[in-house]
Amino acid sequence: MKLIREEIESVEVIVEQRNGQKHLYIEGIFLQGDIKNRNGRMYPCETLAKEVGRYNENFVQKGRALGELGHPDGPSINLDRVSHKITSLRQEGTNFIGRAQILSTPMGNIAKSLLDEGVKLGVSSRGMGSLREDRNGIKVVGEDFMLATAADIVADPSAPDAFVNGIMEGKEWVWDGGILREKYAEKTYKTINTLVDQKRLE
């Protein structure tokens, strides 16, 4: 399985006031189906709808749909980098509209400061899945696609695309006893074991 990331450049910032307290939200398109994106990938809408249903049931509705500030280096959610909680994710045609509350965590406060200063932020979905190339050269995301998060908050994502994809897309991840591990690390261990005898390795 590959770590798959997609960036959306613009989200709307919403401020709501309840009981004298201000709550900051971001809202906009988090995922898009049936369209070739700038990374040359296409998510079948049926695949996204199925996965969004699972994600809503297991994460959004249970208050566990978290996202980070910045680009993490793997599929797991790092609690020390959490900046927001996704409160809704719904389908509108082939788009999936998300809404997320900025939290009062250290990273959430950084995001709030950036938004207050007028910094344009985007969102980046992060998930795991297989890719197959169709006859038009488009990489189609497989039915095994699973969201790690529907949205991380990123700076205007148009500039760093090549850098992020160059690092992130090359990593393979595998399930190992319920834990996602980098495939590269497993290959390294196998190589070491074949080159060094067990006694010497110990």
N, C-alpha and C. Protein backbone atom coordinates (compact mmCIF):
# COMPACT_ATOMS: atom_id res chain seq x y z
N MET A 1 0.84 -1.19 0.00
CA MET A 1 0.00 0.00 0.00
C MET A 1 0.88 1.24 0.00
N LYS A 2 0.43 2.25 -0.71
CA LYS A 2 1.17 3.50 -0.76
C LYS A 2 0.49 4.56 0.11
N LEU A 3 1.31 5.45 0.66
CA LEU A 3 0.78 6.62 1.33
C LEU A 3 0.38 7.61 0.25
N ILE A 4 -0.88 8.01 0.23
CA ILE A 4 -1.40 8.87 -0.83
C ILE A 4 -1.87 10.18 -0.21
N ARG A 5 -1.41 11.29 -0.77
CA ARG A 5 -1.78 12.62 -0.27
C ARG A 5 -2.36 13.45 -1.40
N GLU A 6 -3.35 14.24 -1.09
CA GLU A 6 -3.92 15.16 -2.08
C GLU A 6 -4.14 16.50 -1.42
N GLU A 7 -3.80 17.56 -2.11
CA GLU A 7 -3.94 18.90 -1.56
C GLU A 7 -5.08 19.66 -2.23
N ILE A 8 -5.81 20.41 -1.42
CA ILE A 8 -6.84 21.33 -1.90
C ILE A 8 -6.41 22.72 -1.44
N GLU A 9 -6.38 23.68 -2.37
CA GLU A 9 -5.77 24.96 -2.05
C GLU A 9 -6.60 25.91 -1.22
N SER A 10 -7.91 25.93 -1.39
CA SER A 10 -8.67 26.98 -0.71
C SER A 10 -9.74 26.39 0.19
N VAL A 11 -9.79 26.90 1.41
CA VAL A 11 -10.86 26.57 2.33
C VAL A 11 -11.38 27.88 2.92
N GLU A 12 -12.64 27.86 3.31
CA GLU A 12 -13.25 29.05 3.88
C GLU A 12 -13.05 29.04 5.39
N VAL A 13 -12.76 30.20 5.95
CA VAL A 13 -12.59 30.34 7.40
C VAL A 13 -13.88 30.89 7.98
N ILE A 14 -14.41 30.21 9.00
CA ILE A 14 -15.67 30.60 9.62
C ILE A 14 -15.45 30.81 11.11
N VAL A 15 -15.95 31.92 11.64
CA VAL A 15 -15.88 32.18 13.08
C VAL A 15 -17.30 32.12 13.65
N GLU A 16 -17.50 31.26 14.64
CA GLU A 16 -18.79 31.15 15.31
C GLU A 16 -18.63 31.52 16.78
N GLN A 17 -19.64 32.17 17.33
CA GLN A 17 -19.59 32.56 18.73
C GLN A 17 -20.71 31.87 19.48
N ARG A 18 -20.32 31.16 20.56
CA ARG A 18 -21.30 30.48 21.42
C ARG A 18 -20.91 30.71 22.86
N ASN A 19 -21.89 31.11 23.66
CA ASN A 19 -21.66 31.36 25.09
C ASN A 19 -20.47 32.30 25.32
N GLY A 20 -20.36 33.30 24.46
CA GLY A 20 -19.30 34.28 24.61
C GLY A 20 -17.93 33.81 24.15
N GLN A 21 -17.85 32.57 23.63
CA GLN A 21 -16.57 32.03 23.17
C GLN A 21 -16.56 31.93 21.65
N LYS A 22 -15.43 32.30 21.06
CA LYS A 22 -15.28 32.20 19.60
C LYS A 22 -14.72 30.84 19.23
N HIS A 23 -15.28 30.26 18.18
CA HIS A 23 -14.80 28.99 17.65
C HIS A 23 -14.45 29.19 16.19
N LEU A 24 -13.27 28.77 15.83
CA LEU A 24 -12.77 28.94 14.46
C LEU A 24 -12.89 27.63 13.70
N TYR A 25 -13.44 27.69 12.49
CA TYR A 25 -13.62 26.51 11.65
C TYR A 25 -13.02 26.77 10.26
N ILE A 26 -12.65 25.70 9.60
CA ILE A 26 -12.34 25.77 8.18
C ILE A 26 -13.33 24.85 7.47
N GLU A 27 -13.74 25.25 6.28
CA GLU A 27 -14.74 24.48 5.54
C GLU A 27 -14.47 24.58 4.05
N GLY A 28 -14.68 23.50 3.34
CA GLY A 28 -14.49 23.50 1.90
C GLY A 28 -14.40 22.10 1.35
N ILE A 29 -13.97 21.97 0.11
CA ILE A 29 -13.80 20.66 -0.51
C ILE A 29 -12.57 20.00 0.08
N PHE A 30 -12.76 18.83 0.67
CA PHE A 30 -11.64 18.07 1.24
C PHE A 30 -11.19 16.96 0.28
N LEU A 31 -12.14 16.39 -0.48
CA LEU A 31 -11.85 15.27 -1.38
C LEU A 31 -12.63 15.46 -2.67
N GLN A 32 -12.07 14.98 -3.79
CA GLN A 32 -12.76 15.05 -5.08
C GLN A 32 -12.66 13.71 -5.79
N GLY A 33 -13.79 13.28 -6.36
CA GLY A 33 -13.83 12.01 -7.06
C GLY A 33 -14.04 12.17 -8.55
N ASP A 34 -13.72 11.10 -9.28
CA ASP A 34 -13.96 11.00 -10.73
C ASP A 34 -13.32 12.12 -11.54
N ILE A 35 -12.18 12.64 -11.08
CA ILE A 35 -11.47 13.67 -11.82
C ILE A 35 -9.96 13.46 -11.65
N LYS A 36 -9.23 13.63 -12.75
CA LYS A 36 -7.77 13.52 -12.67
C LYS A 36 -7.23 14.75 -11.96
N ASN A 37 -6.49 14.53 -10.88
CA ASN A 37 -5.94 15.68 -10.16
C ASN A 37 -4.54 16.01 -10.66
N ARG A 38 -3.93 17.03 -10.07
CA ARG A 38 -2.64 17.49 -10.57
C ARG A 38 -1.52 16.47 -10.35
N ASN A 39 -1.76 15.48 -9.48
CA ASN A 39 -0.78 14.42 -9.26
C ASN A 39 -0.96 13.26 -10.24
N GLY A 40 -1.90 13.43 -11.19
CA GLY A 40 -2.14 12.38 -12.17
C GLY A 40 -2.93 11.21 -11.63
N ARG A 41 -3.61 11.43 -10.48
CA ARG A 41 -4.39 10.36 -9.86
C ARG A 41 -5.88 10.66 -9.97
N MET A 42 -6.67 9.58 -9.91
CA MET A 42 -8.12 9.72 -9.94
C MET A 42 -8.73 8.78 -8.91
N TYR A 43 -9.63 9.32 -8.11
CA TYR A 43 -10.35 8.55 -7.11
C TYR A 43 -11.75 8.25 -7.65
N PRO A 44 -12.10 7.00 -7.88
CA PRO A 44 -13.48 6.71 -8.26
C PRO A 44 -14.42 7.19 -7.16
N CYS A 45 -15.47 7.88 -7.55
CA CYS A 45 -16.40 8.45 -6.57
C CYS A 45 -16.99 7.37 -5.68
N GLU A 46 -17.24 6.21 -6.25
CA GLU A 46 -17.80 5.09 -5.48
C GLU A 46 -16.86 4.67 -4.36
N THR A 47 -15.55 4.64 -4.66
CA THR A 47 -14.54 4.28 -3.66
C THR A 47 -14.50 5.31 -2.55
N LEU A 48 -14.51 6.60 -2.92
CA LEU A 48 -14.48 7.66 -1.92
C LEU A 48 -15.73 7.63 -1.05
N ALA A 49 -16.89 7.45 -1.68
CA ALA A 49 -18.15 7.45 -0.93
C ALA A 49 -18.16 6.33 0.12
N LYS A 50 -17.69 5.16 -0.27
CA LYS A 50 -17.63 4.02 0.65
C LYS A 50 -16.69 4.32 1.81
N GLU A 51 -15.52 4.87 1.52
CA GLU A 51 -14.53 5.14 2.56
C GLU A 51 -14.96 6.30 3.45
N VAL A 52 -15.58 7.33 2.87
CA VAL A 52 -16.07 8.45 3.67
C VAL A 52 -17.17 7.96 4.62
N GLY A 53 -18.00 7.03 4.17
CA GLY A 53 -19.02 6.44 5.06
C GLY A 53 -18.38 5.76 6.25
N ARG A 54 -17.33 4.98 6.01
CA ARG A 54 -16.62 4.29 7.10
C ARG A 54 -15.95 5.30 8.02
N TYR A 55 -15.30 6.32 7.42
CA TYR A 55 -14.59 7.34 8.19
C TYR A 55 -15.56 8.14 9.06
N ASN A 56 -16.72 8.48 8.50
CA ASN A 56 -17.73 9.20 9.28
C ASN A 56 -18.19 8.38 10.48
N GLU A 57 -18.48 7.12 10.24
CA GLU A 57 -19.00 6.25 11.30
C GLU A 57 -17.97 6.00 12.39
N ASN A 58 -16.73 5.71 12.00
CA ASN A 58 -15.71 5.31 12.97
C ASN A 58 -14.92 6.45 13.57
N PHE A 59 -14.90 7.60 12.90
CA PHE A 59 -14.06 8.69 13.38
C PHE A 59 -14.83 9.99 13.62
N VAL A 60 -15.51 10.51 12.60
CA VAL A 60 -16.19 11.81 12.75
C VAL A 60 -17.26 11.74 13.84
N GLN A 61 -18.15 10.75 13.75
CA GLN A 61 -19.25 10.65 14.71
C GLN A 61 -18.78 10.34 16.13
N LYS A 62 -17.59 9.80 16.27
CA LYS A 62 -17.06 9.46 17.60
C LYS A 62 -16.07 10.50 18.11
N GLY A 63 -15.93 11.63 17.38
CA GLY A 63 -15.04 12.69 17.82
C GLY A 63 -13.57 12.35 17.72
N ARG A 64 -13.23 11.42 16.82
CA ARG A 64 -11.84 10.95 16.70
C ARG A 64 -11.20 11.35 15.38
N ALA A 65 -11.88 12.17 14.59
CA ALA A 65 -11.37 12.55 13.26
C ALA A 65 -10.45 13.76 13.42
N LEU A 66 -9.18 13.49 13.59
CA LEU A 66 -8.21 14.55 13.86
C LEU A 66 -7.32 14.80 12.66
N GLY A 67 -6.73 15.98 12.62
CA GLY A 67 -5.78 16.33 11.57
C GLY A 67 -4.63 17.12 12.17
N GLU A 68 -3.54 17.18 11.42
CA GLU A 68 -2.32 17.83 11.90
C GLU A 68 -2.03 19.12 11.15
N LEU A 69 -1.16 19.93 11.73
CA LEU A 69 -0.65 21.11 11.06
C LEU A 69 0.66 20.73 10.39
N GLY A 70 0.71 20.85 9.09
CA GLY A 70 1.92 20.51 8.34
C GLY A 70 1.86 19.13 7.74
N HIS A 71 2.98 18.74 7.12
CA HIS A 71 3.07 17.46 6.41
C HIS A 71 3.71 16.40 7.30
N PRO A 72 2.94 15.45 7.82
CA PRO A 72 3.55 14.35 8.57
C PRO A 72 4.24 13.38 7.63
N ASP A 73 5.08 12.51 8.19
CA ASP A 73 5.87 11.61 7.33
C ASP A 73 5.36 10.19 7.30
N GLY A 74 4.12 9.99 7.69
CA GLY A 74 3.56 8.64 7.66
C GLY A 74 2.05 8.69 7.82
N PRO A 75 1.40 7.52 7.87
CA PRO A 75 -0.06 7.48 7.93
C PRO A 75 -0.66 7.67 9.32
N SER A 76 0.13 7.62 10.37
CA SER A 76 -0.42 7.72 11.72
C SER A 76 -0.66 9.17 12.12
N ILE A 77 -1.64 9.37 13.01
CA ILE A 77 -1.92 10.68 13.56
C ILE A 77 -1.00 10.89 14.76
N ASN A 78 -0.21 11.97 14.72
CA ASN A 78 0.69 12.31 15.82
C ASN A 78 -0.04 13.29 16.74
N LEU A 79 -0.39 12.84 17.95
CA LEU A 79 -1.21 13.66 18.83
C LEU A 79 -0.54 14.97 19.22
N ASP A 80 0.78 15.00 19.25
CA ASP A 80 1.46 16.24 19.61
C ASP A 80 1.42 17.28 18.48
N ARG A 81 0.94 16.89 17.30
CA ARG A 81 0.86 17.81 16.18
C ARG A 81 -0.58 18.09 15.74
N VAL A 82 -1.55 17.59 16.49
CA VAL A 82 -2.96 17.78 16.13
C VAL A 82 -3.34 19.25 16.25
N SER A 83 -4.01 19.76 15.23
CA SER A 83 -4.42 21.16 15.21
C SER A 83 -5.93 21.35 15.10
N HIS A 84 -6.64 20.32 14.66
CA HIS A 84 -8.07 20.48 14.42
C HIS A 84 -8.80 19.15 14.48
N LYS A 85 -10.12 19.25 14.62
CA LYS A 85 -10.99 18.07 14.64
C LYS A 85 -12.01 18.23 13.53
N ILE A 86 -12.11 17.22 12.68
CA ILE A 86 -13.08 17.25 11.58
C ILE A 86 -14.45 16.92 12.16
N THR A 87 -15.40 17.84 11.96
CA THR A 87 -16.72 17.70 12.56
C THR A 87 -17.78 17.22 11.59
N SER A 88 -17.51 17.35 10.29
CA SER A 88 -18.46 16.82 9.31
C SER A 88 -17.76 16.58 7.98
N LEU A 89 -18.27 15.63 7.24
CA LEU A 89 -17.77 15.30 5.90
C LEU A 89 -18.94 14.74 5.12
N ARG A 90 -19.38 15.48 4.09
CA ARG A 90 -20.57 15.08 3.36
C ARG A 90 -20.32 15.15 1.85
N GLN A 91 -21.06 14.35 1.12
CA GLN A 91 -20.91 14.29 -0.33
C GLN A 91 -21.85 15.29 -1.00
N GLU A 92 -21.30 16.03 -1.96
CA GLU A 92 -22.07 16.90 -2.84
C GLU A 92 -21.63 16.63 -4.26
N GLY A 93 -22.40 15.83 -4.98
CA GLY A 93 -21.98 15.41 -6.32
C GLY A 93 -20.75 14.54 -6.22
N THR A 94 -19.68 14.94 -6.90
CA THR A 94 -18.43 14.16 -6.84
C THR A 94 -17.43 14.78 -5.86
N ASN A 95 -17.86 15.84 -5.17
CA ASN A 95 -17.01 16.47 -4.15
C ASN A 95 -17.45 16.04 -2.76
N PHE A 96 -16.52 16.10 -1.82
CA PHE A 96 -16.81 15.78 -0.42
C PHE A 96 -16.43 17.01 0.40
N ILE A 97 -17.45 17.65 0.97
CA ILE A 97 -17.28 18.90 1.69
C ILE A 97 -17.02 18.61 3.16
N GLY A 98 -15.93 19.16 3.66
CA GLY A 98 -15.56 18.94 5.05
C GLY A 98 -15.62 20.21 5.86
N ARG A 99 -15.72 20.03 7.15
CA ARG A 99 -15.71 21.14 8.11
C ARG A 99 -14.89 20.69 9.31
N ALA A 100 -13.99 21.56 9.76
CA ALA A 100 -13.11 21.20 10.87
C ALA A 100 -12.98 22.35 11.85
N GLN A 101 -13.00 22.02 13.13
CA GLN A 101 -12.85 23.02 14.19
C GLN A 101 -11.37 23.10 14.57
N ILE A 102 -10.84 24.33 14.58
CA ILE A 102 -9.46 24.53 15.03
C ILE A 102 -9.45 24.41 16.54
N LEU A 103 -8.56 23.57 17.07
CA LEU A 103 -8.50 23.29 18.50
C LEU A 103 -7.51 24.22 19.22
N SER A 104 -7.65 24.28 20.54
CA SER A 104 -6.74 25.10 21.35
C SER A 104 -5.52 24.28 21.80
N THR A 105 -4.93 23.56 20.85
CA THR A 105 -3.69 22.84 21.08
C THR A 105 -2.54 23.74 20.63
N PRO A 106 -1.29 23.41 20.96
CA PRO A 106 -0.18 24.24 20.48
C PRO A 106 -0.21 24.44 18.96
N MET A 107 -0.45 23.36 18.20
CA MET A 107 -0.49 23.48 16.74
C MET A 107 -1.77 24.19 16.27
N GLY A 108 -2.87 23.98 17.00
CA GLY A 108 -4.10 24.67 16.68
C GLY A 108 -3.96 26.18 16.87
N ASN A 109 -3.26 26.56 17.93
CA ASN A 109 -3.04 27.99 18.18
C ASN A 109 -2.16 28.62 17.11
N ILE A 110 -1.20 27.86 16.59
CA ILE A 110 -0.38 28.36 15.48
C ILE A 110 -1.26 28.56 14.25
N ALA A 111 -2.13 27.59 13.97
CA ALA A 111 -3.04 27.70 12.83
C ALA A 111 -3.95 28.91 12.99
N LYS A 112 -4.47 29.13 14.21
CA LYS A 112 -5.33 30.28 14.47
C LYS A 112 -4.58 31.58 14.19
N SER A 113 -3.33 31.65 14.67
CA SER A 113 -2.54 32.87 14.45
C SER A 113 -2.31 33.12 12.97
N LEU A 114 -2.02 32.08 12.23
CA LEU A 114 -1.80 32.23 10.79
C LEU A 114 -3.07 32.71 10.10
N LEU A 115 -4.21 32.12 10.46
CA LEU A 115 -5.48 32.52 9.86
C LEU A 115 -5.84 33.95 10.23
N ASP A 116 -5.59 34.32 11.50
CA ASP A 116 -5.86 35.69 11.95
C ASP A 116 -5.03 36.71 11.19
N GLU A 117 -3.84 36.31 10.77
CA GLU A 117 -2.94 37.22 10.04
C GLU A 117 -3.19 37.18 8.54
N GLY A 118 -4.22 36.44 8.13
CA GLY A 118 -4.59 36.43 6.72
C GLY A 118 -3.79 35.47 5.85
N VAL A 119 -3.10 34.52 6.48
CA VAL A 119 -2.34 33.53 5.70
C VAL A 119 -3.31 32.57 5.02
N LYS A 120 -3.11 32.32 3.74
CA LYS A 120 -3.95 31.40 2.99
C LYS A 120 -3.50 29.97 3.29
N LEU A 121 -4.39 29.18 3.81
CA LEU A 121 -4.08 27.80 4.13
C LEU A 121 -4.91 26.86 3.27
N GLY A 122 -4.42 25.67 3.08
CA GLY A 122 -5.14 24.65 2.35
C GLY A 122 -5.26 23.41 3.19
N VAL A 123 -5.87 22.37 2.65
CA VAL A 123 -5.97 21.10 3.34
C VAL A 123 -5.37 19.99 2.48
N SER A 124 -4.91 18.96 3.14
CA SER A 124 -4.30 17.83 2.45
C SER A 124 -4.85 16.55 3.05
N SER A 125 -5.54 15.76 2.24
CA SER A 125 -6.01 14.47 2.73
C SER A 125 -4.84 13.49 2.75
N ARG A 126 -4.96 12.48 3.61
CA ARG A 126 -3.89 11.49 3.74
C ARG A 126 -4.52 10.13 3.90
N GLY A 127 -4.10 9.17 3.08
CA GLY A 127 -4.69 7.85 3.16
C GLY A 127 -3.74 6.78 2.64
N MET A 128 -4.19 5.54 2.75
CA MET A 128 -3.42 4.39 2.30
C MET A 128 -4.22 3.66 1.23
N GLY A 129 -3.51 3.20 0.20
CA GLY A 129 -4.21 2.45 -0.83
C GLY A 129 -3.29 2.04 -1.96
N SER A 130 -3.81 1.20 -2.82
CA SER A 130 -3.06 0.75 -3.99
C SER A 130 -3.39 1.64 -5.18
N LEU A 131 -2.51 1.63 -6.17
CA LEU A 131 -2.70 2.41 -7.39
C LEU A 131 -2.55 1.50 -8.59
N ARG A 132 -3.39 1.71 -9.59
CA ARG A 132 -3.22 1.01 -10.86
C ARG A 132 -3.31 2.04 -11.97
N GLU A 133 -2.56 1.82 -13.02
CA GLU A 133 -2.55 2.78 -14.13
C GLU A 133 -3.49 2.31 -15.22
N ASP A 134 -4.41 3.21 -15.66
CA ASP A 134 -5.32 2.83 -16.74
C ASP A 134 -4.66 3.12 -18.09
N ARG A 135 -5.39 2.85 -19.16
CA ARG A 135 -4.78 2.96 -20.49
C ARG A 135 -4.48 4.40 -20.89
N ASN A 136 -5.03 5.37 -20.16
CA ASN A 136 -4.75 6.78 -20.44
C ASN A 136 -3.59 7.32 -19.59
N GLY A 137 -2.97 6.43 -18.83
CA GLY A 137 -1.84 6.85 -17.99
C GLY A 137 -2.25 7.46 -16.67
N ILE A 138 -3.54 7.40 -16.34
CA ILE A 138 -4.02 7.94 -15.07
C ILE A 138 -3.88 6.88 -13.99
N LYS A 139 -3.35 7.27 -12.83
CA LYS A 139 -3.22 6.34 -11.71
C LYS A 139 -4.54 6.34 -10.94
N VAL A 140 -5.22 5.21 -10.99
CA VAL A 140 -6.53 5.09 -10.35
C VAL A 140 -6.34 4.48 -8.96
N VAL A 141 -6.91 5.13 -7.97
CA VAL A 141 -6.82 4.66 -6.59
C VAL A 141 -7.73 3.45 -6.40
N GLY A 142 -7.20 2.41 -5.76
CA GLY A 142 -7.92 1.15 -5.62
C GLY A 142 -9.02 1.17 -4.57
N GLU A 143 -9.84 0.11 -4.60
CA GLU A 143 -10.96 -0.02 -3.67
C GLU A 143 -10.50 -0.22 -2.23
N ASP A 144 -9.21 -0.53 -2.02
CA ASP A 144 -8.70 -0.73 -0.67
C ASP A 144 -8.33 0.59 0.02
N PHE A 145 -8.61 1.73 -0.62
CA PHE A 145 -8.24 3.04 -0.07
C PHE A 145 -8.86 3.25 1.31
N MET A 146 -8.01 3.72 2.26
CA MET A 146 -8.46 4.02 3.61
C MET A 146 -7.91 5.38 4.03
N LEU A 147 -8.77 6.24 4.54
CA LEU A 147 -8.34 7.55 5.00
C LEU A 147 -7.64 7.46 6.35
N ALA A 148 -6.49 8.11 6.45
CA ALA A 148 -5.85 8.32 7.75
C ALA A 148 -6.45 9.58 8.35
N THR A 149 -6.59 10.62 7.52
CA THR A 149 -7.32 11.83 7.88
C THR A 149 -7.86 12.47 6.61
N ALA A 150 -9.03 13.06 6.72
CA ALA A 150 -9.61 13.74 5.56
C ALA A 150 -8.94 15.08 5.32
N ALA A 151 -8.22 15.60 6.35
CA ALA A 151 -7.59 16.91 6.16
C ALA A 151 -6.50 17.18 7.18
N ASP A 152 -5.28 17.40 6.68
CA ASP A 152 -4.24 18.08 7.43
C ASP A 152 -4.25 19.52 6.95
N ILE A 153 -3.82 20.44 7.79
CA ILE A 153 -3.74 21.84 7.37
C ILE A 153 -2.34 22.10 6.84
N VAL A 154 -2.26 22.67 5.64
CA VAL A 154 -0.96 22.95 5.02
C VAL A 154 -0.93 24.38 4.51
N ALA A 155 0.27 24.94 4.40
CA ALA A 155 0.43 26.24 3.77
C ALA A 155 0.08 26.10 2.31
N ASP A 156 -0.20 27.22 1.64
CA ASP A 156 -0.60 27.21 0.23
C ASP A 156 0.12 26.07 -0.48
N PRO A 157 -0.58 24.99 -0.81
CA PRO A 157 0.08 23.76 -1.22
C PRO A 157 0.57 23.71 -2.65
N SER A 158 0.33 24.77 -3.43
CA SER A 158 0.71 24.68 -4.84
C SER A 158 2.23 24.63 -5.02
N ALA A 159 2.97 25.31 -4.18
CA ALA A 159 4.43 25.36 -4.35
C ALA A 159 5.16 24.08 -3.95
N PRO A 160 4.87 23.49 -2.79
CA PRO A 160 5.69 22.35 -2.35
C PRO A 160 5.27 21.00 -2.89
N ASP A 161 4.34 20.96 -3.85
CA ASP A 161 3.86 19.66 -4.34
C ASP A 161 4.97 18.71 -4.73
N ALA A 162 5.89 19.19 -5.57
CA ALA A 162 6.93 18.30 -6.10
C ALA A 162 7.80 17.76 -4.97
N PHE A 163 8.16 18.61 -4.02
CA PHE A 163 9.01 18.18 -2.91
C PHE A 163 8.31 17.15 -2.05
N VAL A 164 7.08 17.42 -1.69
CA VAL A 164 6.34 16.49 -0.83
C VAL A 164 6.12 15.16 -1.53
N ASN A 165 5.67 15.22 -2.79
CA ASN A 165 5.42 13.98 -3.52
C ASN A 165 6.69 13.18 -3.72
N GLY A 166 7.80 13.90 -3.95
CA GLY A 166 9.06 13.21 -4.18
C GLY A 166 9.51 12.39 -2.99
N ILE A 167 9.20 12.89 -1.80
CA ILE A 167 9.60 12.16 -0.59
C ILE A 167 8.54 11.15 -0.18
N MET A 168 7.28 11.59 -0.14
CA MET A 168 6.24 10.75 0.42
C MET A 168 5.81 9.60 -0.49
N GLU A 169 5.75 9.84 -1.78
CA GLU A 169 5.17 8.84 -2.66
C GLU A 169 6.06 7.62 -2.84
N GLY A 170 7.35 7.75 -2.48
CA GLY A 170 8.26 6.63 -2.68
C GLY A 170 8.18 5.58 -1.59
N LYS A 171 7.45 5.86 -0.52
CA LYS A 171 7.41 4.94 0.60
C LYS A 171 6.27 3.94 0.44
N GLU A 172 6.57 2.69 0.71
CA GLU A 172 5.54 1.66 0.70
C GLU A 172 5.25 1.31 2.15
N TRP A 173 3.99 1.04 2.47
CA TRP A 173 3.59 0.68 3.82
C TRP A 173 2.86 -0.65 3.77
N VAL A 174 3.04 -1.45 4.81
CA VAL A 174 2.38 -2.76 4.87
C VAL A 174 1.76 -2.94 6.26
N TRP A 175 0.69 -3.75 6.31
CA TRP A 175 0.10 -4.10 7.60
C TRP A 175 0.94 -5.21 8.21
N ASP A 176 1.31 -5.04 9.48
CA ASP A 176 2.11 -6.05 10.18
C ASP A 176 1.52 -6.19 11.58
N GLY A 177 0.70 -7.20 11.77
CA GLY A 177 0.08 -7.41 13.07
C GLY A 177 -0.78 -6.24 13.51
N GLY A 178 -1.45 -5.60 12.56
CA GLY A 178 -2.31 -4.48 12.89
C GLY A 178 -1.59 -3.14 12.95
N ILE A 179 -0.28 -3.17 12.67
CA ILE A 179 0.51 -1.93 12.69
C ILE A 179 1.05 -1.67 11.29
N LEU A 180 0.96 -0.39 10.87
CA LEU A 180 1.53 -0.02 9.57
C LEU A 180 3.01 0.21 9.73
N ARG A 181 3.80 -0.49 8.91
CA ARG A 181 5.25 -0.32 8.93
C ARG A 181 5.74 -0.02 7.53
N GLU A 182 6.87 0.69 7.47
CA GLU A 182 7.46 0.98 6.17
C GLU A 182 8.01 -0.31 5.57
N LYS A 183 7.68 -0.57 4.31
CA LYS A 183 8.15 -1.75 3.61
C LYS A 183 9.66 -1.68 3.42
N TYR A 184 10.18 -0.46 3.22
CA TYR A 184 11.61 -0.28 3.01
C TYR A 184 12.41 -0.82 4.19
N ALA A 185 11.91 -0.57 5.41
CA ALA A 185 12.61 -1.04 6.60
C ALA A 185 12.66 -2.56 6.63
N GLU A 186 11.56 -3.20 6.25
CA GLU A 186 11.53 -4.66 6.23
C GLU A 186 12.53 -5.21 5.22
N LYS A 187 12.61 -4.57 4.05
CA LYS A 187 13.56 -5.01 3.03
C LYS A 187 14.99 -4.89 3.55
N THR A 188 15.27 -3.83 4.30
CA THR A 188 16.61 -3.62 4.84
C THR A 188 16.97 -4.73 5.81
N TYR A 189 16.03 -5.07 6.72
CA TYR A 189 16.29 -6.16 7.66
C TYR A 189 16.58 -7.47 6.93
N LYS A 190 15.82 -7.76 5.88
CA LYS A 190 16.03 -8.99 5.12
C LYS A 190 17.40 -9.00 4.46
N THR A 191 17.80 -7.84 3.93
CA THR A 191 19.11 -7.74 3.29
C THR A 191 20.22 -7.99 4.30
N ILE A 192 20.09 -7.39 5.50
CA ILE A 192 21.10 -7.59 6.54
C ILE A 192 21.18 -9.06 6.92
N ASN A 193 20.04 -9.69 7.09
CA ASN A 193 20.02 -11.09 7.51
C ASN A 193 20.65 -12.02 6.47
N THR A 194 20.56 -11.65 5.20
CA THR A 194 21.14 -12.51 4.18
C THR A 194 22.66 -12.28 4.05
N LEU A 195 23.12 -11.10 4.45
CA LEU A 195 24.54 -10.78 4.31
C LEU A 195 25.37 -11.14 5.53
N VAL A 196 24.72 -11.21 6.69
CA VAL A 196 25.46 -11.45 7.92
C VAL A 196 24.89 -12.70 8.60
N ASP A 197 25.78 -13.58 9.04
CA ASP A 197 25.27 -14.77 9.73
C ASP A 197 24.72 -14.39 11.10
N GLN A 198 23.84 -15.25 11.64
CA GLN A 198 23.10 -14.92 12.84
C GLN A 198 24.01 -14.66 14.04
N LYS A 199 25.08 -15.45 14.21
CA LYS A 199 25.97 -15.29 15.37
C LYS A 199 26.66 -13.94 15.31
N ARG A 200 27.13 -13.56 14.14
CA ARG A 200 27.83 -12.31 13.99
C ARG A 200 26.89 -11.13 14.14
N LEU A 201 25.64 -11.30 13.69
CA LEU A 201 24.64 -10.24 13.80
C LEU A 201 24.34 -9.94 15.26
N GLU A 202 24.22 -11.00 16.09
CA GLU A 202 23.97 -10.81 17.52
C GLU A 202 25.12 -10.05 18.17
